[in-house]
Protein backbone atom coordinates (compact mmCIF):
# COMPACT_ATOMS: atom_id res chain seq x y z
CA MET A 1 -46.63 -82.04 -56.54
CA GLY A 2 -43.32 -83.31 -56.50
CA SER A 3 -40.90 -82.91 -53.27
CA ALA A 4 -39.73 -79.77 -51.78
CA ALA A 5 -36.64 -79.24 -53.35
CA GLU A 6 -38.00 -80.35 -57.01
CA GLN A 7 -40.37 -77.68 -56.19
CA SER A 8 -37.93 -75.21 -55.14
CA ALA A 9 -35.66 -76.64 -58.31
CA ARG A 10 -38.68 -75.12 -60.88
CA GLY A 11 -38.65 -71.72 -58.79
CA GLY A 12 -42.08 -72.77 -57.00
CA GLY A 13 -44.01 -73.71 -53.95
CA PRO A 14 -45.98 -72.49 -51.40
CA ALA A 15 -43.19 -69.89 -49.89
CA LEU A 16 -43.20 -68.28 -53.41
CA GLU A 17 -46.70 -68.21 -54.08
CA GLY A 18 -46.91 -64.62 -53.00
CA ALA A 19 -44.34 -63.11 -54.03
CA ALA A 20 -45.23 -61.72 -57.40
CA SER A 21 -48.06 -59.19 -55.11
CA HIS A 22 -46.13 -58.08 -52.69
CA GLY A 23 -42.46 -58.60 -54.65
CA THR A 24 -44.27 -55.64 -57.33
CA ALA A 25 -44.39 -53.25 -54.45
CA VAL A 26 -41.49 -53.70 -53.18
CA VAL A 27 -39.38 -53.63 -56.46
CA PHE A 28 -41.35 -50.30 -56.95
CA ALA A 29 -41.31 -48.68 -53.64
CA SER A 30 -37.02 -49.26 -53.65
CA ALA A 31 -36.80 -47.95 -57.01
CA LEU A 32 -38.56 -44.70 -56.16
CA THR A 33 -37.52 -44.19 -52.25
CA GLY A 34 -34.29 -46.12 -52.51
CA VAL A 35 -35.68 -47.54 -48.96
CA PRO A 36 -35.16 -51.13 -48.91
CA PRO A 37 -31.33 -50.34 -51.44
CA PHE A 38 -32.43 -51.06 -54.67
CA TYR A 39 -28.98 -53.08 -54.87
CA ALA A 40 -30.57 -55.80 -52.68
CA VAL A 41 -34.23 -55.73 -53.93
CA SER A 42 -32.67 -55.85 -57.46
CA VAL A 43 -30.14 -59.14 -56.38
CA ALA A 44 -32.88 -60.55 -54.18
CA ALA A 45 -35.32 -60.15 -57.19
CA GLY A 46 -33.11 -62.31 -59.18
CA VAL A 47 -33.03 -64.62 -56.40
CA VAL A 48 -36.14 -65.29 -56.63
CA ARG A 49 -36.86 -65.37 -60.39
CA PHE A 50 -39.13 -62.27 -60.58
CA HIS A 51 -40.34 -61.75 -64.03
CA PHE A 52 -37.50 -59.92 -65.74
CA PRO A 53 -40.14 -57.58 -68.01
CA ARG A 54 -41.81 -56.94 -65.11
CA PHE A 55 -39.13 -55.89 -62.73
CA LEU A 56 -37.30 -53.76 -65.90
CA ALA A 57 -40.49 -51.69 -66.02
CA LEU A 58 -41.17 -51.27 -62.53
CA ALA A 59 -37.48 -50.04 -61.92
CA LEU A 60 -37.35 -47.67 -65.05
CA VAL A 61 -40.38 -45.63 -63.50
CA GLY A 62 -39.67 -45.64 -60.13
CA ARG A 63 -36.00 -44.60 -61.11
CA VAL A 64 -37.30 -42.19 -63.50
CA LEU A 65 -39.70 -40.60 -60.77
CA ARG A 66 -36.96 -40.62 -58.46
CA PHE A 67 -34.47 -38.50 -60.17
CA THR A 68 -36.55 -36.48 -61.47
CA ALA A 69 -38.05 -34.90 -58.33
CA VAL A 70 -34.23 -35.08 -57.18
CA PHE A 71 -34.04 -32.86 -60.30
CA LEU A 72 -36.97 -30.88 -60.14
CA ILE A 73 -37.30 -30.24 -55.87
CA PRO A 74 -34.11 -27.84 -55.55
CA ARG A 75 -35.38 -25.60 -58.40
CA LEU A 76 -39.44 -25.89 -56.80
CA VAL A 77 -37.18 -24.72 -53.64
CA SER A 78 -35.24 -21.64 -54.82
CA MET A 79 -37.88 -20.83 -57.17
CA LEU A 80 -40.29 -20.16 -53.14
CA GLY A 81 -37.02 -18.90 -51.98
CA ALA A 82 -36.37 -15.98 -54.29
């Protein structure tokens, strides 16, 4: 099993066992809404060694959805008001 310092050096340990499932939701929510700030979540994901391809996919989908909404909502509002 190893000491806590050895587990921490390998990026494992009891503190990070459920981090992937919670981290997935946090990364996607942050990319989609900006809460918590996406920059801070990105740094934290690197610190805890979040799986990079998963992070990249979640970030890409979340940001595309966010900026699509930012682009389309004013147009929809103007169409409804006209």
